[in-house]
Amino acid sequence: MLTGLLASPLLARPAFAATPLNVVATTGMIADAARAVGGDLVEVRALMGPGVDPHGYRQTRSDIVAMTRADLVLWNGLYLEAQLEEFLQGLSRRVPTRAVAETLPPDLRLTHSQYEGRADPHVWMAPRLWRHAVVGTRDALSEQRPDDAARFAANADAYLAQLDALHVYATETLAKLPPEARVLVTAHDAFGYFGREYDFQVEGIQGISTESEAGLQRIGALVDLLVDRQISAAFVESSVSDRNIRALIEGAAARGHSVQIGGELFSDAMGQPGTYEGTYVGMFDHNVTTIAAALGADVPNGGMSGKLNAGG
């Protein structure tokens, strides 16, 4: 009889794995880091998908429900999510939150005279700097699940190695461009860290935030730059209207100088989910390869590892 009881399914039920952590991330870049570091120990929801501009994004009712029910909310900080910031600060009194880009040491942050003394929030534009956000993500997950800290650390190390390889590819590919060709003209000023890291002059029509307006004087000054430096390409962004870039191209044409759209760059959002460009590594690989090719460098087909435009 005792043997029968011990064999009973009620007594011999196997131990189940802990329920995955419910993590909400504001941007796709942060969500990608959380999935890579967390593995199967987390379920991650990104609030902002492809083509979404985080500077002006306002929380929806479903966003509020998701964040209040989350085990952890990860956001960029540095005023990237300007319209969400007050809500997120209030939420932190009830739900664990972490502004992962604010782990970047102050001496590595870029400032902007037109951004009210705030730091540039686009930290993911340099993989060596984005490492700080990945480590911040690892630490935030470990605080919620200390027993899984070793797994989070191992996953983070593997992901950081990918970022290191990405930086090497970017350095070698962009070095093919002569110094005079390293001028990057984009819709808004999201590429400051990229420019500092890879020795580019970066010019955005709008300021760091897409909420800022582009004046005729600014467009006129950039037309002068394009003509004087004989720059042949400007770039649109996936999360910003191309209206100002097209006005810039028309202004250069009126001066007898032809400027082409060099391609669409991912600035504040990644590509479609399920594609290579829908990952942080793929997003950055796409940007580097697109910029280098448009400005005259010989780049490998398919980018760093042949995965660009492969649909997965």
C-alpha atoms as a PDB file:
ATOM      1  CA  MET A   1       0.000   0.000   0.000  1.00  0.00           C
ATOM      2  CA  LEU A   2       2.822   2.359   0.882  1.00  0.00           C
ATOM      3  CA  THR A   3       4.538   1.543  -2.433  1.00  0.00           C
ATOM      4  CA  GLY A   4       1.350   2.438  -4.273  1.00  0.00           C
ATOM      5  CA  LEU A   5       1.170   5.815  -2.556  1.00  0.00           C
ATOM      6  CA  LEU A   6       4.769   6.631  -3.447  1.00  0.00           C
ATOM      7  CA  ALA A   7       4.047   5.785  -7.084  1.00  0.00           C
ATOM      8  CA  SER A   8       0.947   7.988  -7.153  1.00  0.00           C
ATOM      9  CA  PRO A   9       1.098  10.804  -9.748  1.00  0.00           C
ATOM     10  CA  LEU A  10       0.093  13.234  -7.015  1.00  0.00           C
ATOM     11  CA  LEU A  11       3.264  12.456  -5.070  1.00  0.00           C
ATOM     12  CA  ALA A  12       5.627  11.872  -7.998  1.00  0.00           C
ATOM     13  CA  ARG A  13       4.821  15.084  -9.935  1.00  0.00           C
ATOM     14  CA  PRO A  14       8.014  16.454 -11.555  1.00  0.00           C
ATOM     15  CA  ALA A  15       9.299  19.859 -10.582  1.00  0.00           C
ATOM     16  CA  PHE A  16       8.347  22.567 -13.052  1.00  0.00           C
ATOM     17  CA  ALA A  17      10.672  25.331 -14.180  1.00  0.00           C
ATOM     18  CA  ALA A  18      10.037  28.730 -12.719  1.00  0.00           C
ATOM     19  CA  THR A  19       7.624  30.930 -14.646  1.00  0.00           C
ATOM     20  CA  PRO A  20       9.564  33.135 -17.079  1.00  0.00           C
ATOM     21  CA  LEU A  21      10.085  36.703 -15.984  1.00  0.00           C
ATOM     22  CA  ASN A  22       7.558  39.037 -17.585  1.00  0.00           C
ATOM     23  CA  VAL A  23       9.708  41.852 -19.009  1.00  0.00           C
ATOM     24  CA  VAL A  24       8.485  44.943 -20.848  1.00  0.00           C
ATOM     25  CA  ALA A  25      11.010  46.978 -22.841  1.00  0.00           C
ATOM     26  CA  THR A  26      10.274  50.327 -24.428  1.00  0.00           C
ATOM     27  CA  THR A  27      12.382  49.998 -27.595  1.00  0.00           C
ATOM     28  CA  GLY A  28      13.300  47.124 -29.852  1.00  0.00           C
ATOM     29  CA  MET A  29      17.000  47.546 -29.123  1.00  0.00           C
ATOM     30  CA  ILE A  30      16.432  47.044 -25.395  1.00  0.00           C
ATOM     31  CA  ALA A  31      14.057  44.141 -26.019  1.00  0.00           C
ATOM     32  CA  ASP A  32      16.699  42.434 -28.175  1.00  0.00           C
ATOM     33  CA  ALA A  33      19.247  42.719 -25.364  1.00  0.00           C
ATOM     34  CA  ALA A  34      16.750  41.390 -22.815  1.00  0.00           C
ATOM     35  CA  ARG A  35      15.902  38.367 -24.983  1.00  0.00           C
ATOM     36  CA  ALA A  36      19.560  37.610 -25.632  1.00  0.00           C
ATOM     37  CA  VAL A  37      20.543  37.892 -21.966  1.00  0.00           C
ATOM     38  CA  GLY A  38      17.409  36.314 -20.539  1.00  0.00           C
ATOM     39  CA  GLY A  39      17.048  33.428 -22.978  1.00  0.00           C
ATOM     40  CA  ASP A  40      14.181  31.108 -22.122  1.00  0.00           C
ATOM     41  CA  LEU A  41      14.025  32.545 -18.606  1.00  0.00           C
ATOM     42  CA  VAL A  42      12.216  35.676 -19.819  1.00  0.00           C
ATOM     43  CA  GLU A  43       9.263  36.684 -21.924  1.00  0.00           C
ATOM     44  CA  VAL A  44       9.834  40.118 -23.442  1.00  0.00           C
ATOM     45  CA  ARG A  45       7.368  42.567 -24.921  1.00  0.00           C
ATOM     46  CA  ALA A  46       8.603  45.643 -26.789  1.00  0.00           C
ATOM     47  CA  LEU A  47       6.230  48.595 -26.680  1.00  0.00           C
ATOM     48  CA  MET A  48       7.632  50.281 -29.803  1.00  0.00           C
ATOM     49  CA  GLY A  49       7.921  48.312 -33.007  1.00  0.00           C
ATOM     50  CA  PRO A  50       9.483  49.028 -36.415  1.00  0.00           C
ATOM     51  CA  GLY A  51       9.109  52.600 -37.641  1.00  0.00           C
ATOM     52  CA  VAL A  52       8.003  53.946 -34.259  1.00  0.00           C
ATOM     53  CA  ASP A  53       9.588  57.173 -33.028  1.00  0.00           C
ATOM     54  CA  PRO A  54      10.320  56.939 -29.274  1.00  0.00           C
ATOM     55  CA  HIS A  55      10.766  60.696 -28.832  1.00  0.00           C
ATOM     56  CA  GLY A  56       7.073  61.395 -29.297  1.00  0.00           C
ATOM     57  CA  TYR A  57       5.603  58.016 -28.285  1.00  0.00           C
ATOM     58  CA  ARG A  58       2.772  58.127 -25.745  1.00  0.00           C
ATOM     59  CA  GLN A  59       1.645  55.113 -23.777  1.00  0.00           C
ATOM     60  CA  THR A  60      -1.570  53.374 -24.799  1.00  0.00           C
ATOM     61  CA  ARG A  61      -4.025  51.768 -22.428  1.00  0.00           C
ATOM     62  CA  SER A  62      -2.617  48.327 -23.258  1.00  0.00           C
ATOM     63  CA  ASP A  63       0.915  49.630 -22.589  1.00  0.00           C
ATOM     64  CA  ILE A  64      -0.129  50.781 -19.143  1.00  0.00           C
ATOM     65  CA  VAL A  65      -1.674  47.397 -18.351  1.00  0.00           C
ATOM     66  CA  ALA A  66       1.416  45.565 -19.613  1.00  0.00           C
ATOM     67  CA  MET A  67       3.837  47.708 -17.601  1.00  0.00           C
ATOM     68  CA  THR A  68       1.869  47.579 -14.366  1.00  0.00           C
ATOM     69  CA  ARG A  69       1.694  43.767 -14.610  1.00  0.00           C
ATOM     70  CA  ALA A  70       5.360  43.309 -15.540  1.00  0.00           C
ATOM     71  CA  ASP A  71       8.019  41.824 -13.289  1.00  0.00           C
ATOM     72  CA  LEU A  72      10.511  44.293 -14.772  1.00  0.00           C
ATOM     73  CA  VAL A  73      10.317  47.315 -17.078  1.00  0.00           C
ATOM     74  CA  LEU A  74      13.428  48.277 -19.054  1.00  0.00           C
ATOM     75  CA  TRP A  75      13.682  51.668 -20.695  1.00  0.00           C
ATOM     76  CA  ASN A  76      16.422  53.724 -22.301  1.00  0.00           C
ATOM     77  CA  GLY A  77      16.341  56.897 -20.239  1.00  0.00           C
ATOM     78  CA  LEU A  78      18.355  60.043 -21.026  1.00  0.00           C
ATOM     79  CA  TYR A  79      15.031  61.547 -22.082  1.00  0.00           C
ATOM     80  CA  LEU A  80      14.633  59.323 -25.149  1.00  0.00           C
ATOM     81  CA  GLU A  81      11.092  58.355 -24.096  1.00  0.00           C
ATOM     82  CA  ALA A  82      10.229  61.976 -23.365  1.00  0.00           C
ATOM     83  CA  GLN A  83       6.449  61.524 -23.265  1.00  0.00           C
ATOM     84  CA  LEU A  84       6.690  58.356 -21.144  1.00  0.00           C
ATOM     85  CA  GLU A  85       9.223  59.581 -18.605  1.00  0.00           C
ATOM     86  CA  GLU A  86       6.816  60.913 -15.980  1.00  0.00           C
ATOM     87  CA  PHE A  87       4.750  57.723 -16.119  1.00  0.00           C
ATOM     88  CA  LEU A  88       7.833  55.515 -15.862  1.00  0.00           C
ATOM     89  CA  GLN A  89       9.194  57.435 -12.902  1.00  0.00           C
ATOM     90  CA  GLY A  90       5.881  57.004 -11.101  1.00  0.00           C
ATOM     91  CA  LEU A  91       5.699  53.340 -12.061  1.00  0.00           C
ATOM     92  CA  SER A  92       9.091  52.710 -10.451  1.00  0.00           C
ATOM     93  CA  ARG A  93       7.461  53.032  -7.021  1.00  0.00           C
ATOM     94  CA  ARG A  94       5.420  49.896  -7.720  1.00  0.00           C
ATOM     95  CA  VAL A  95       7.252  47.902 -10.413  1.00  0.00           C
ATOM     96  CA  PRO A  96      11.018  47.309 -10.749  1.00  0.00           C
ATOM     97  CA  THR A  97      12.325  49.511 -13.565  1.00  0.00           C
ATOM     98  CA  ARG A  98      15.762  50.212 -15.027  1.00  0.00           C
ATOM     99  CA  ALA A  99      16.887  52.987 -17.405  1.00  0.00           C
ATOM    100  CA  VAL A 100      19.599  50.924 -19.066  1.00  0.00           C
ATOM    101  CA  ALA A 101      21.280  53.657 -21.141  1.00  0.00           C
ATOM    102  CA  GLU A 102      21.837  55.709 -18.010  1.00  0.00           C
ATOM    103  CA  THR A 103      24.471  53.156 -16.999  1.00  0.00           C
ATOM    104  CA  LEU A 104      26.717  54.919 -19.527  1.00  0.00           C
ATOM    105  CA  PRO A 105      29.306  56.872 -17.488  1.00  0.00           C
ATOM    106  CA  PRO A 106      28.725  60.644 -17.661  1.00  0.00           C
ATOM    107  CA  ASP A 107      32.163  61.274 -19.161  1.00  0.00           C
ATOM    108  CA  LEU A 108      31.209  59.152 -22.201  1.00  0.00           C
ATOM    109  CA  ARG A 109      27.915  60.936 -22.841  1.00  0.00           C
ATOM    110  CA  LEU A 110      27.519  63.471 -25.617  1.00  0.00           C
ATOM    111  CA  THR A 111      25.730  66.727 -24.904  1.00  0.00           C
ATOM    112  CA  HIS A 112      23.944  69.033 -27.312  1.00  0.00           C
ATOM    113  CA  SER A 113      23.537  72.793 -27.039  1.00  0.00           C
ATOM    114  CA  GLN A 114      19.989  72.617 -28.417  1.00  0.00           C
ATOM    115  CA  TYR A 115      18.822  69.792 -26.123  1.00  0.00           C
ATOM    116  CA  GLU A 116      18.306  71.695 -22.864  1.00  0.00           C
ATOM    117  CA  GLY A 117      21.593  70.504 -21.406  1.00  0.00           C
ATOM    118  CA  ARG A 118      20.592  66.844 -21.635  1.00  0.00           C
ATOM    119  CA  ALA A 119      22.793  64.018 -22.867  1.00  0.00           C
ATOM    120  CA  ASP A 120      22.304  62.452 -26.273  1.00  0.00           C
ATOM    121  CA  PRO A 121      20.144  59.331 -25.641  1.00  0.00           C
ATOM    122  CA  HIS A 122      21.113  57.407 -28.815  1.00  0.00           C
ATOM    123  CA  VAL A 123      23.704  55.258 -27.039  1.00  0.00           C
ATOM    124  CA  TRP A 124      23.028  52.177 -29.219  1.00  0.00           C
ATOM    125  CA  MET A 125      24.674  53.965 -32.151  1.00  0.00           C
ATOM    126  CA  ALA A 126      28.067  52.717 -30.911  1.00  0.00           C
ATOM    127  CA  PRO A 127      28.252  49.015 -29.951  1.00  0.00           C
ATOM    128  CA  ARG A 128      31.094  49.609 -27.493  1.00  0.00           C
ATOM    129  CA  LEU A 129      28.859  52.057 -25.617  1.00  0.00           C
ATOM    130  CA  TRP A 130      25.774  49.850 -25.891  1.00  0.00           C
ATOM    131  CA  ARG A 131      27.711  47.256 -23.902  1.00  0.00           C
ATOM    132  CA  HIS A 132      26.903  49.347 -20.808  1.00  0.00           C
ATOM    133  CA  ALA A 133      23.174  48.996 -21.483  1.00  0.00           C
ATOM    134  CA  VAL A 134      23.554  45.231 -21.962  1.00  0.00           C
ATOM    135  CA  VAL A 135      25.355  44.926 -18.633  1.00  0.00           C
ATOM    136  CA  GLY A 136      22.630  47.050 -17.048  1.00  0.00           C
ATOM    137  CA  THR A 137      20.037  44.675 -18.494  1.00  0.00           C
ATOM    138  CA  ARG A 138      21.941  41.667 -17.138  1.00  0.00           C
ATOM    139  CA  ASP A 139      22.116  43.212 -13.676  1.00  0.00           C
ATOM    140  CA  ALA A 140      18.428  44.138 -13.655  1.00  0.00           C
ATOM    141  CA  LEU A 141      17.426  40.576 -14.587  1.00  0.00           C
ATOM    142  CA  SER A 142      19.790  39.135 -11.982  1.00  0.00           C
ATOM    143  CA  GLU A 143      18.260  41.291  -9.272  1.00  0.00           C
ATOM    144  CA  GLN A 144      14.865  39.772 -10.034  1.00  0.00           C
ATOM    145  CA  ARG A 145      16.170  36.204 -10.304  1.00  0.00           C
ATOM    146  CA  PRO A 146      19.395  35.884  -8.277  1.00  0.00           C
ATOM    147  CA  ASP A 147      19.397  32.092  -8.667  1.00  0.00           C
ATOM    148  CA  ASP A 148      19.704  32.526 -12.445  1.00  0.00           C
ATOM    149  CA  ALA A 149      22.430  35.182 -12.330  1.00  0.00           C
ATOM    150  CA  ALA A 150      25.086  32.809 -13.675  1.00  0.00           C
ATOM    151  CA  ARG A 151      22.982  31.975 -16.733  1.00  0.00           C
ATOM    152  CA  PHE A 152      22.261  35.638 -17.358  1.00  0.00           C
ATOM    153  CA  ALA A 153      25.990  36.382 -17.091  1.00  0.00           C
ATOM    154  CA  ALA A 154      26.913  33.648 -19.582  1.00  0.00           C
ATOM    155  CA  ASN A 155      24.257  34.801 -22.047  1.00  0.00           C
ATOM    156  CA  ALA A 156      25.399  38.404 -21.664  1.00  0.00           C
ATOM    157  CA  ASP A 157      29.010  37.455 -22.341  1.00  0.00           C
ATOM    158  CA  ALA A 158      27.988  35.728 -25.581  1.00  0.00           C
ATOM    159  CA  TYR A 159      25.937  38.732 -26.671  1.00  0.00           C
ATOM    160  CA  LEU A 160      28.732  41.164 -25.808  1.00  0.00           C
ATOM    161  CA  ALA A 161      31.086  39.111 -27.982  1.00  0.00           C
ATOM    162  CA  GLN A 162      28.705  39.706 -30.892  1.00  0.00           C
ATOM    163  CA  LEU A 163      28.835  43.443 -30.197  1.00  0.00           C
ATOM    164  CA  ASP A 164      32.624  43.334 -30.180  1.00  0.00           C
ATOM    165  CA  ALA A 165      32.635  41.605 -33.582  1.00  0.00           C
ATOM    166  CA  LEU A 166      30.150  44.177 -34.867  1.00  0.00           C
ATOM    167  CA  HIS A 167      32.440  47.017 -33.801  1.00  0.00           C
ATOM    168  CA  VAL A 168      35.414  45.399 -35.550  1.00  0.00           C
ATOM    169  CA  TYR A 169      33.390  45.032 -38.769  1.00  0.00           C
ATOM    170  CA  ALA A 170      32.228  48.653 -38.576  1.00  0.00           C
ATOM    171  CA  THR A 171      35.746  49.935 -37.955  1.00  0.00           C
ATOM    172  CA  GLU A 172      37.251  48.000 -40.851  1.00  0.00           C
ATOM    173  CA  THR A 173      34.434  48.733 -43.306  1.00  0.00           C
ATOM    174  CA  LEU A 174      34.162  52.460 -42.621  1.00  0.00           C
ATOM    175  CA  ALA A 175      37.950  52.830 -42.708  1.00  0.00           C
ATOM    176  CA  LYS A 176      37.696  52.168 -46.467  1.00  0.00           C
ATOM    177  CA  LEU A 177      36.239  55.665 -46.869  1.00  0.00           C
ATOM    178  CA  PRO A 178      38.683  58.576 -47.162  1.00  0.00           C
ATOM    179  CA  PRO A 179      38.305  61.277 -44.482  1.00  0.00           C
ATOM    180  CA  GLU A 180      36.726  63.770 -46.903  1.00  0.00           C
ATOM    181  CA  ALA A 181      33.915  61.292 -47.682  1.00  0.00           C
ATOM    182  CA  ARG A 182      32.967  60.733 -44.058  1.00  0.00           C
ATOM    183  CA  VAL A 183      30.022  63.103 -43.916  1.00  0.00           C
ATOM    184  CA  LEU A 184      26.721  61.620 -42.770  1.00  0.00           C
ATOM    185  CA  VAL A 185      23.601  63.709 -43.459  1.00  0.00           C
ATOM    186  CA  THR A 186      20.419  62.303 -41.940  1.00  0.00           C
ATOM    187  CA  ALA A 187      16.896  63.325 -41.012  1.00  0.00           C
ATOM    188  CA  HIS A 188      17.597  63.943 -37.317  1.00  0.00           C
ATOM    189  CA  ASP A 189      20.669  64.056 -35.127  1.00  0.00           C
ATOM    190  CA  ALA A 190      20.658  60.427 -33.962  1.00  0.00           C
ATOM    191  CA  PHE A 191      24.147  59.460 -35.112  1.00  0.00           C
ATOM    192  CA  GLY A 192      26.351  61.522 -32.821  1.00  0.00           C
ATOM    193  CA  TYR A 193      27.865  58.542 -31.005  1.00  0.00           C
ATOM    194  CA  PHE A 194      28.347  56.812 -34.358  1.00  0.00           C
ATOM    195  CA  GLY A 195      30.188  59.848 -35.688  1.00  0.00           C
ATOM    196  CA  ARG A 196      32.461  60.111 -32.678  1.00  0.00           C
ATOM    197  CA  GLU A 197      33.251  56.395 -32.720  1.00  0.00           C
ATOM    198  CA  TYR A 198      33.983  56.109 -36.443  1.00  0.00           C
ATOM    199  CA  ASP A 199      35.281  59.586 -37.245  1.00  0.00           C
ATOM    200  CA  PHE A 200      32.331  60.978 -39.213  1.00  0.00           C
ATOM    201  CA  GLN A 201      31.001  64.497 -39.465  1.00  0.00           C
ATOM    202  CA  VAL A 202      27.334  63.971 -38.655  1.00  0.00           C
ATOM    203  CA  GLU A 203      24.686  66.471 -39.693  1.00  0.00           C
ATOM    204  CA  GLY A 204      21.006  66.000 -38.837  1.00  0.00           C
ATOM    205  CA  ILE A 205      18.357  68.278 -40.288  1.00  0.00           C
ATOM    206  CA  GLN A 206      16.405  68.149 -37.037  1.00  0.00           C
ATOM    207  CA  GLY A 207      17.990  68.104 -33.602  1.00  0.00           C
ATOM    208  CA  ILE A 208      18.499  65.146 -31.292  1.00  0.00           C
ATOM    209  CA  SER A 209      14.752  64.906 -30.710  1.00  0.00           C
ATOM    210  CA  THR A 210      12.399  64.538 -33.661  1.00  0.00           C
ATOM    211  CA  GLU A 211      10.087  66.876 -31.755  1.00  0.00           C
ATOM    212  CA  SER A 212      12.352  69.755 -32.792  1.00  0.00           C
ATOM    213  CA  GLU A 213      11.562  71.651 -35.974  1.00  0.00           C
ATOM    214  CA  ALA A 214      13.833  71.955 -38.984  1.00  0.00           C
ATOM    215  CA  GLY A 215      14.023  75.559 -40.139  1.00  0.00           C
ATOM    216  CA  LEU A 216      14.711  76.831 -43.626  1.00  0.00           C
ATOM    217  CA  GLN A 217      17.993  78.259 -42.372  1.00  0.00           C
ATOM    218  CA  ARG A 218      19.160  74.804 -41.269  1.00  0.00           C
ATOM    219  CA  ILE A 219      18.181  73.224 -44.578  1.00  0.00           C
ATOM    220  CA  GLY A 220      19.950  76.039 -46.444  1.00  0.00           C
ATOM    221  CA  ALA A 221      23.135  75.509 -44.442  1.00  0.00           C
ATOM    222  CA  LEU A 222      23.112  71.790 -45.226  1.00  0.00           C
ATOM    223  CA  VAL A 223      22.542  72.468 -48.923  1.00  0.00           C
ATOM    224  CA  ASP A 224      25.672  74.623 -48.817  1.00  0.00           C
ATOM    225  CA  LEU A 225      27.560  71.770 -47.148  1.00  0.00           C
ATOM    226  CA  LEU A 226      26.459  69.216 -49.727  1.00  0.00           C
ATOM    227  CA  VAL A 227      27.413  71.488 -52.612  1.00  0.00           C
ATOM    228  CA  ASP A 228      30.698  72.765 -51.184  1.00  0.00           C
ATOM    229  CA  ARG A 229      31.934  69.319 -50.138  1.00  0.00           C
ATOM    230  CA  GLN A 230      30.485  67.577 -53.217  1.00  0.00           C
ATOM    231  CA  ILE A 231      28.641  65.070 -51.046  1.00  0.00           C
ATOM    232  CA  SER A 232      26.519  62.805 -53.209  1.00  0.00           C
ATOM    233  CA  ALA A 233      24.320  60.983 -50.685  1.00  0.00           C
ATOM    234  CA  ALA A 234      21.981  61.778 -47.802  1.00  0.00           C
ATOM    235  CA  PHE A 235      20.047  59.234 -45.772  1.00  0.00           C
ATOM    236  CA  VAL A 236      16.440  58.818 -44.722  1.00  0.00           C
ATOM    237  CA  GLU A 237      15.472  57.070 -41.485  1.00  0.00           C
ATOM    238  CA  SER A 238      12.940  54.316 -40.898  1.00  0.00           C
ATOM    239  CA  SER A 239      11.225  56.139 -38.016  1.00  0.00           C
ATOM    240  CA  VAL A 240      11.318  59.719 -39.370  1.00  0.00           C
ATOM    241  CA  SER A 241       9.489  61.329 -42.285  1.00  0.00           C
ATOM    242  CA  ASP A 242      11.636  61.774 -45.408  1.00  0.00           C
ATOM    243  CA  ARG A 243      10.096  65.194 -46.142  1.00  0.00           C
ATOM    244  CA  ASN A 244      13.086  67.239 -44.983  1.00  0.00           C
ATOM    245  CA  ILE A 245      15.649  65.038 -46.729  1.00  0.00           C
ATOM    246  CA  ARG A 246      13.763  65.432 -49.994  1.00  0.00           C
ATOM    247  CA  ALA A 247      13.696  69.210 -49.511  1.00  0.00           C
ATOM    248  CA  LEU A 248      17.444  69.063 -49.010  1.00  0.00           C
ATOM    249  CA  ILE A 249      17.938  67.097 -52.240  1.00  0.00           C
ATOM    250  CA  GLU A 250      15.746  69.551 -54.144  1.00  0.00           C
ATOM    251  CA  GLY A 251      17.737  72.470 -52.736  1.00  0.00           C
ATOM    252  CA  ALA A 252      21.001  70.923 -53.891  1.00  0.00           C
ATOM    253  CA  ALA A 253      19.537  70.217 -57.329  1.00  0.00           C
ATOM    254  CA  ALA A 254      18.566  73.878 -57.647  1.00  0.00           C
ATOM    255  CA  ARG A 255      22.258  74.656 -57.141  1.00  0.00           C
ATOM    256  CA  GLY A 256      23.246  72.215 -59.892  1.00  0.00           C
ATOM    257  CA  HIS A 257      24.455  69.459 -57.535  1.00  0.00           C
ATOM    258  CA  SER A 258      22.959  65.961 -57.602  1.00  0.00           C
ATOM    259  CA  VAL A 259      22.368  64.241 -54.268  1.00  0.00           C
ATOM    260  CA  GLN A 260      20.845  60.775 -54.044  1.00  0.00           C
ATOM    261  CA  ILE A 261      19.116  59.069 -51.148  1.00  0.00           C
ATOM    262  CA  GLY A 262      21.893  56.742 -49.987  1.00  0.00           C
ATOM    263  CA  GLY A 263      19.452  54.383 -48.334  1.00  0.00           C
ATOM    264  CA  GLU A 264      17.181  54.069 -45.340  1.00  0.00           C
ATOM    265  CA  LEU A 265      18.921  53.832 -41.977  1.00  0.00           C
ATOM    266  CA  PHE A 266      17.560  52.432 -38.737  1.00  0.00           C
ATOM    267  CA  SER A 267      17.885  55.164 -36.147  1.00  0.00           C
ATOM    268  CA  ASP A 268      15.344  54.922 -33.306  1.00  0.00           C
ATOM    269  CA  ALA A 269      13.791  51.577 -34.245  1.00  0.00           C
ATOM    270  CA  MET A 270      14.927  48.263 -35.718  1.00  0.00           C
ATOM    271  CA  GLY A 271      13.656  46.319 -38.724  1.00  0.00           C
ATOM    272  CA  GLN A 272      10.747  43.908 -38.933  1.00  0.00           C
ATOM    273  CA  PRO A 273      10.536  41.148 -36.294  1.00  0.00           C
ATOM    274  CA  GLY A 274      11.830  37.813 -37.542  1.00  0.00           C
ATOM    275  CA  THR A 275      14.357  39.389 -39.901  1.00  0.00           C
ATOM    276  CA  TYR A 276      18.087  39.889 -39.407  1.00  0.00           C
ATOM    277  CA  GLU A 277      17.538  43.658 -39.535  1.00  0.00           C
ATOM    278  CA  GLY A 278      15.019  43.175 -36.727  1.00  0.00           C
ATOM    279  CA  THR A 279      17.896  42.417 -34.345  1.00  0.00           C
ATOM    280  CA  TYR A 280      20.345  44.911 -32.901  1.00  0.00           C
ATOM    281  CA  VAL A 281      23.311  43.285 -34.659  1.00  0.00           C
ATOM    282  CA  GLY A 282      21.428  43.222 -37.976  1.00  0.00           C
ATOM    283  CA  MET A 283      20.236  46.789 -37.574  1.00  0.00           C
ATOM    284  CA  PHE A 284      23.744  48.092 -37.005  1.00  0.00           C
ATOM    285  CA  ASP A 285      25.250  45.885 -39.720  1.00  0.00           C
ATOM    286  CA  HIS A 286      22.670  47.310 -42.139  1.00  0.00           C
ATOM    287  CA  ASN A 287      23.512  50.895 -41.199  1.00  0.00           C
ATOM    288  CA  VAL A 288      27.267  50.458 -41.511  1.00  0.00           C
ATOM    289  CA  THR A 289      27.051  48.591 -44.803  1.00  0.00           C
ATOM    290  CA  THR A 290      24.521  51.018 -46.287  1.00  0.00           C
ATOM    291  CA  ILE A 291      26.491  54.116 -45.295  1.00  0.00           C
ATOM    292  CA  ALA A 292      29.812  52.743 -46.518  1.00  0.00           C
ATOM    293  CA  ALA A 293      28.383  51.592 -49.864  1.00  0.00           C
ATOM    294  CA  ALA A 294      26.528  54.845 -50.564  1.00  0.00           C
ATOM    295  CA  LEU A 295      29.602  56.941 -49.850  1.00  0.00           C
ATOM    296  CA  GLY A 296      31.819  54.902 -52.168  1.00  0.00           C
ATOM    297  CA  ALA A 297      33.349  51.995 -50.234  1.00  0.00           C
ATOM    298  CA  ASP A 298      33.549  48.432 -51.495  1.00  0.00           C
ATOM    299  CA  VAL A 299      31.442  46.432 -49.041  1.00  0.00           C
ATOM    300  CA  PRO A 300      30.801  42.675 -48.784  1.00  0.00           C
ATOM    301  CA  ASN A 301      27.577  41.312 -50.206  1.00  0.00           C
ATOM    302  CA  GLY A 302      25.177  40.690 -47.366  1.00  0.00           C
ATOM    303  CA  GLY A 303      27.145  42.739 -44.872  1.00  0.00           C
ATOM    304  CA  MET A 304      29.142  41.384 -41.967  1.00  0.00           C
ATOM    305  CA  SER A 305      27.995  37.776 -42.201  1.00  0.00           C
ATOM    306  CA  GLY A 306      26.017  37.627 -45.440  1.00  0.00           C
ATOM    307  CA  LYS A 307      22.655  37.934 -43.699  1.00  0.00           C
ATOM    308  CA  LEU A 308      21.490  41.362 -44.863  1.00  0.00           C
ATOM    309  CA  ASN A 309      18.292  41.317 -46.922  1.00  0.00           C
ATOM    310  CA  ALA A 310      18.054  37.576 -46.450  1.00  0.00           C
ATOM    311  CA  GLY A 311      14.577  37.802 -44.935  1.00  0.00           C
ATOM    312  CA  GLY A 312      15.490  36.083 -41.702  1.00  0.00           C
END
